[in-house]
Every structure is written in structure tokens, then in C-alpha cells.
Amino acid sequence: MNATHECIDVCNSLLKGELSAIETYNQALEKFEGETERTALRAIAGDHEKSASRLREHLSDMGAEAATDSGAWGSFAKAVEGTAKLLGESPALAALQQGEEHGVNEYEEALSNPDVMDEIKAVIRQELLPPLSGHIAALERLRAR
């Protein structure tokens, strides 16, 4: 693999987003009592864990060190989710949905970046991006309950 610094930076940024999502979903799980919500949120968190693992693999294959924390985006996401938790379940679900939509935008930006390797773009298209639309739909269903 012929990785550029830009490609490594993009992958680490995507990884930080996935780590942030995992942290935020784990925090949100503390808020929800209903088994339907908890099951859905656990499944979504699991998808983000798989995506984080896949990004770590790519970074390792490129000989790069993978990010180990969510950084500034994680702090912001946790603050938003913490505020939503104080206000109730519906705002918490709305905050989670906004996070998923942000993730879609991040992956789409990576796909349009000429410095991101084709192999990684294929994984984004086939494995990392598709679950996010399912996450958004699941959160919308939970909000409608």
C-alpha cells in the first residue's frame, strides 16, 4: 500500500469519529430503560466498534499509528449527549441521529478526497458507510415511539 500522510490523517479522523460514536452510545445506554431502545443502541454501538476495528486495520496496513481516543469531536459529542440526557430520551435520540448524519458527511468527504487510497474508498463504500443509513432509520423509529 502506498499511503500518503493525508490518507493516514483522514483515516485517523474517521477512526476518531467512530471512537466518539462508541463513547456517546455507551453514555446514552445509561439513559434508556426500555429494552427496545437498549437493544437498538447496543447494536448501533457494535457496528461502530466494527468500523473502528476496520479503520485500525487499514492504519496498521499503512504502517501508521491509529488514534486511541476520540479527540475534540468526542468531547463535543459527549457534551451534546450529556445535555440531551438531562432533557430526556427524545433529545438524546435526536443528538445521536445528528452524530450519525455527521458521520455520513465525514465518510462522503473522504470518498471525494483524491488523497484517500482506492482500497480504503472501497471499504468505506461497501462496509463503513452503509450501516449509517440504517442507524439513522433506527433512531427515527425510536423517536417516533
C-alpha atoms as a PDB file:
ATOM      1  CA  MET A   1       0.000   0.000   0.000  1.00  0.00           C
ATOM      2  CA  ASN A   2       1.261   3.426  -0.906  1.00  0.00           C
ATOM      3  CA  ALA A   3      -0.230   5.619   1.790  1.00  0.00           C
ATOM      4  CA  THR A   4       0.108   9.361   1.911  1.00  0.00           C
ATOM      5  CA  HIS A   5       0.140  11.394   5.095  1.00  0.00           C
ATOM      6  CA  GLU A   6      -3.198  12.875   4.019  1.00  0.00           C
ATOM      7  CA  CYS A   7      -4.751   9.419   3.668  1.00  0.00           C
ATOM      8  CA  ILE A   8      -3.473   8.451   7.116  1.00  0.00           C
ATOM      9  CA  ASP A   9      -4.838  11.697   8.585  1.00  0.00           C
ATOM     10  CA  VAL A  10      -8.261  11.096   7.007  1.00  0.00           C
ATOM     11  CA  CYS A  11      -8.389   7.506   8.304  1.00  0.00           C
ATOM     12  CA  ASN A  12      -7.406   8.627  11.790  1.00  0.00           C
ATOM     13  CA  SER A  13     -10.052  11.353  11.675  1.00  0.00           C
ATOM     14  CA  LEU A  14     -12.666   8.764  10.666  1.00  0.00           C
ATOM     15  CA  LEU A  15     -11.426   6.488  13.454  1.00  0.00           C
ATOM     16  CA  LYS A  16     -11.799   9.314  15.984  1.00  0.00           C
ATOM     17  CA  GLY A  17     -15.376   9.767  14.787  1.00  0.00           C
ATOM     18  CA  GLU A  18     -16.062   6.071  15.324  1.00  0.00           C
ATOM     19  CA  LEU A  19     -14.483   6.185  18.794  1.00  0.00           C
ATOM     20  CA  SER A  20     -16.632   9.202  19.602  1.00  0.00           C
ATOM     21  CA  ALA A  21     -19.738   7.342  18.464  1.00  0.00           C
ATOM     22  CA  ILE A  22     -18.869   4.344  20.669  1.00  0.00           C
ATOM     23  CA  GLU A  23     -18.362   6.603  23.693  1.00  0.00           C
ATOM     24  CA  THR A  24     -21.568   8.504  23.014  1.00  0.00           C
ATOM     25  CA  TYR A  25     -23.694   5.378  22.572  1.00  0.00           C
ATOM     26  CA  ASN A  26     -22.263   3.881  25.752  1.00  0.00           C
ATOM     27  CA  GLN A  27     -23.177   7.082  27.569  1.00  0.00           C
ATOM     28  CA  ALA A  28     -26.666   7.081  26.030  1.00  0.00           C
ATOM     29  CA  LEU A  29     -27.262   3.479  27.128  1.00  0.00           C
ATOM     30  CA  GLU A  30     -27.182   4.729  30.731  1.00  0.00           C
ATOM     31  CA  LYS A  31     -30.212   6.918  29.970  1.00  0.00           C
ATOM     32  CA  PHE A  32     -32.550   4.377  28.419  1.00  0.00           C
ATOM     33  CA  GLU A  33     -34.591   1.934  30.462  1.00  0.00           C
ATOM     34  CA  GLY A  34     -36.616   0.245  27.684  1.00  0.00           C
ATOM     35  CA  GLU A  35     -35.247  -2.978  26.234  1.00  0.00           C
ATOM     36  CA  THR A  36     -36.202  -1.962  22.671  1.00  0.00           C
ATOM     37  CA  GLU A  37     -34.094   1.192  22.904  1.00  0.00           C
ATOM     38  CA  ARG A  38     -31.206  -0.506  24.695  1.00  0.00           C
ATOM     39  CA  THR A  39     -31.095  -3.349  22.160  1.00  0.00           C
ATOM     40  CA  ALA A  40     -31.086  -0.918  19.223  1.00  0.00           C
ATOM     41  CA  LEU A  41     -28.439   1.331  20.793  1.00  0.00           C
ATOM     42  CA  ARG A  42     -26.205  -1.649  21.658  1.00  0.00           C
ATOM     43  CA  ALA A  43     -26.447  -2.904  18.066  1.00  0.00           C
ATOM     44  CA  ILE A  44     -25.510   0.507  16.674  1.00  0.00           C
ATOM     45  CA  ALA A  45     -22.578   0.801  19.106  1.00  0.00           C
ATOM     46  CA  GLY A  46     -21.443  -2.649  17.942  1.00  0.00           C
ATOM     47  CA  ASP A  47     -21.476  -1.505  14.321  1.00  0.00           C
ATOM     48  CA  HIS A  48     -19.301   1.470  15.271  1.00  0.00           C
ATOM     49  CA  GLU A  49     -16.896  -0.879  17.074  1.00  0.00           C
ATOM     50  CA  LYS A  50     -16.599  -2.979  13.886  1.00  0.00           C
ATOM     51  CA  SER A  51     -15.962   0.152  11.816  1.00  0.00           C
ATOM     52  CA  ALA A  52     -13.310   1.355  14.269  1.00  0.00           C
ATOM     53  CA  SER A  53     -11.620  -2.035  14.087  1.00  0.00           C
ATOM     54  CA  ARG A  54     -11.647  -1.953  10.274  1.00  0.00           C
ATOM     55  CA  LEU A  55     -10.090   1.531  10.239  1.00  0.00           C
ATOM     56  CA  ARG A  56      -7.414   0.393  12.717  1.00  0.00           C
ATOM     57  CA  GLU A  57      -6.580  -2.489  10.342  1.00  0.00           C
ATOM     58  CA  HIS A  58      -6.108  -0.069   7.441  1.00  0.00           C
ATOM     59  CA  LEU A  59      -3.924   2.227   9.506  1.00  0.00           C
ATOM     60  CA  SER A  60      -1.813  -0.732  10.586  1.00  0.00           C
ATOM     61  CA  ASP A  61      -1.525  -1.916   6.966  1.00  0.00           C
ATOM     62  CA  MET A  62      -0.274   1.574   6.058  1.00  0.00           C
ATOM     63  CA  GLY A  63       2.333   1.397   8.829  1.00  0.00           C
ATOM     64  CA  ALA A  64       0.620   4.205  10.702  1.00  0.00           C
ATOM     65  CA  GLU A  65      -0.268   4.543  14.350  1.00  0.00           C
ATOM     66  CA  ALA A  66      -4.007   4.502  14.969  1.00  0.00           C
ATOM     67  CA  ALA A  67      -5.697   7.138  17.090  1.00  0.00           C
ATOM     68  CA  THR A  68      -6.534   5.871  20.570  1.00  0.00           C
ATOM     69  CA  ASP A  69      -9.110   8.451  21.616  1.00  0.00           C
ATOM     70  CA  SER A  70     -11.876  10.484  20.060  1.00  0.00           C
ATOM     71  CA  GLY A  71     -10.173  13.850  20.498  1.00  0.00           C
ATOM     72  CA  ALA A  72     -12.025  17.155  20.310  1.00  0.00           C
ATOM     73  CA  TRP A  73     -15.016  15.740  18.418  1.00  0.00           C
ATOM     74  CA  GLY A  74     -15.515  13.172  21.178  1.00  0.00           C
ATOM     75  CA  SER A  75     -15.546  15.845  23.855  1.00  0.00           C
ATOM     76  CA  PHE A  76     -18.090  17.872  21.906  1.00  0.00           C
ATOM     77  CA  ALA A  77     -20.287  14.837  21.185  1.00  0.00           C
ATOM     78  CA  LYS A  78     -20.223  13.800  24.842  1.00  0.00           C
ATOM     79  CA  ALA A  79     -21.212  17.315  25.913  1.00  0.00           C
ATOM     80  CA  VAL A  80     -24.125  17.348  23.461  1.00  0.00           C
ATOM     81  CA  GLU A  81     -25.265  13.895  24.536  1.00  0.00           C
ATOM     82  CA  GLY A  82     -24.872  14.795  28.232  1.00  0.00           C
ATOM     83  CA  THR A  83     -27.119  17.818  27.737  1.00  0.00           C
ATOM     84  CA  ALA A  84     -29.629  15.727  25.795  1.00  0.00           C
ATOM     85  CA  LYS A  85     -29.659  13.137  28.582  1.00  0.00           C
ATOM     86  CA  LEU A  86     -30.733  15.814  31.038  1.00  0.00           C
ATOM     87  CA  LEU A  87     -33.610  16.824  28.762  1.00  0.00           C
ATOM     88  CA  GLY A  88     -34.969  13.330  28.098  1.00  0.00           C
ATOM     89  CA  GLU A  89     -34.944  10.446  25.660  1.00  0.00           C
ATOM     90  CA  SER A  90     -36.192  12.239  22.551  1.00  0.00           C
ATOM     91  CA  PRO A  91     -33.434  14.913  22.605  1.00  0.00           C
ATOM     92  CA  ALA A  92     -30.883  12.178  23.318  1.00  0.00           C
ATOM     93  CA  LEU A  93     -32.058  10.235  20.265  1.00  0.00           C
ATOM     94  CA  ALA A  94     -32.013  13.433  18.180  1.00  0.00           C
ATOM     95  CA  ALA A  95     -28.409  14.075  19.265  1.00  0.00           C
ATOM     96  CA  LEU A  96     -27.440  10.511  18.321  1.00  0.00           C
ATOM     97  CA  GLN A  97     -29.100  10.940  14.931  1.00  0.00           C
ATOM     98  CA  GLN A  98     -27.176  14.179  14.332  1.00  0.00           C
ATOM     99  CA  GLY A  99     -23.975  12.299  15.145  1.00  0.00           C
ATOM    100  CA  GLU A 100     -24.843   9.623  12.579  1.00  0.00           C
ATOM    101  CA  GLU A 101     -25.566  12.301   9.956  1.00  0.00           C
ATOM    102  CA  HIS A 102     -22.223  13.914  10.750  1.00  0.00           C
ATOM    103  CA  GLY A 103     -20.590  10.516  10.224  1.00  0.00           C
ATOM    104  CA  VAL A 104     -22.230  10.180   6.806  1.00  0.00           C
ATOM    105  CA  ASN A 105     -20.821  13.592   5.855  1.00  0.00           C
ATOM    106  CA  GLU A 106     -17.339  12.636   7.067  1.00  0.00           C
ATOM    107  CA  TYR A 107     -17.320   9.420   5.031  1.00  0.00           C
ATOM    108  CA  GLU A 108     -18.643  11.214   1.940  1.00  0.00           C
ATOM    109  CA  GLU A 109     -15.877  13.814   2.262  1.00  0.00           C
ATOM    110  CA  ALA A 110     -13.314  11.009   2.462  1.00  0.00           C
ATOM    111  CA  LEU A 111     -14.762   9.468  -0.707  1.00  0.00           C
ATOM    112  CA  SER A 112     -14.325  12.756  -2.564  1.00  0.00           C
ATOM    113  CA  ASN A 113     -10.755  13.259  -1.304  1.00  0.00           C
ATOM    114  CA  PRO A 114      -8.236  12.350  -4.045  1.00  0.00           C
ATOM    115  CA  ASP A 115      -5.577  11.572  -1.410  1.00  0.00           C
ATOM    116  CA  VAL A 116      -7.590   8.713   0.097  1.00  0.00           C
ATOM    117  CA  MET A 117      -6.482   5.404  -1.369  1.00  0.00           C
ATOM    118  CA  ASP A 118      -8.896   3.495  -3.608  1.00  0.00           C
ATOM    119  CA  GLU A 119      -8.724   0.417  -1.352  1.00  0.00           C
ATOM    120  CA  ILE A 120      -9.960   2.470   1.583  1.00  0.00           C
ATOM    121  CA  LYS A 121     -12.651   4.160  -0.506  1.00  0.00           C
ATOM    122  CA  ALA A 122     -13.948   0.705  -1.457  1.00  0.00           C
ATOM    123  CA  VAL A 123     -14.185  -0.283   2.222  1.00  0.00           C
ATOM    124  CA  ILE A 124     -15.948   2.999   3.036  1.00  0.00           C
ATOM    125  CA  ARG A 125     -18.495   2.407   0.255  1.00  0.00           C
ATOM    126  CA  GLN A 126     -19.063  -1.282   0.986  1.00  0.00           C
ATOM    127  CA  GLU A 127     -18.661  -1.610   4.761  1.00  0.00           C
ATOM    128  CA  LEU A 128     -18.421   1.640   6.715  1.00  0.00           C
ATOM    129  CA  LEU A 129     -20.977   3.969   5.140  1.00  0.00           C
ATOM    130  CA  PRO A 130     -23.970   1.636   4.504  1.00  0.00           C
ATOM    131  CA  PRO A 131     -24.761   0.893   8.186  1.00  0.00           C
ATOM    132  CA  LEU A 132     -25.123   4.606   8.964  1.00  0.00           C
ATOM    133  CA  SER A 133     -28.358   4.951   6.975  1.00  0.00           C
ATOM    134  CA  GLY A 134     -29.722   2.002   8.966  1.00  0.00           C
ATOM    135  CA  HIS A 135     -28.671   3.706  12.190  1.00  0.00           C
ATOM    136  CA  ILE A 136     -30.467   6.900  11.199  1.00  0.00           C
ATOM    137  CA  ALA A 137     -33.631   4.940  10.324  1.00  0.00           C
ATOM    138  CA  ALA A 138     -33.498   3.024  13.624  1.00  0.00           C
ATOM    139  CA  LEU A 139     -33.117   6.248  15.610  1.00  0.00           C
ATOM    140  CA  GLU A 140     -36.023   7.811  13.708  1.00  0.00           C
ATOM    141  CA  ARG A 141     -38.192   4.790  14.571  1.00  0.00           C
ATOM    142  CA  LEU A 142     -37.231   5.072  18.245  1.00  0.00           C
ATOM    143  CA  ARG A 143     -38.029   8.790  18.242  1.00  0.00           C
ATOM    144  CA  ALA A 144     -41.460   8.107  16.718  1.00  0.00           C
ATOM    145  CA  ARG A 145     -42.452   5.716  19.542  1.00  0.00           C
END
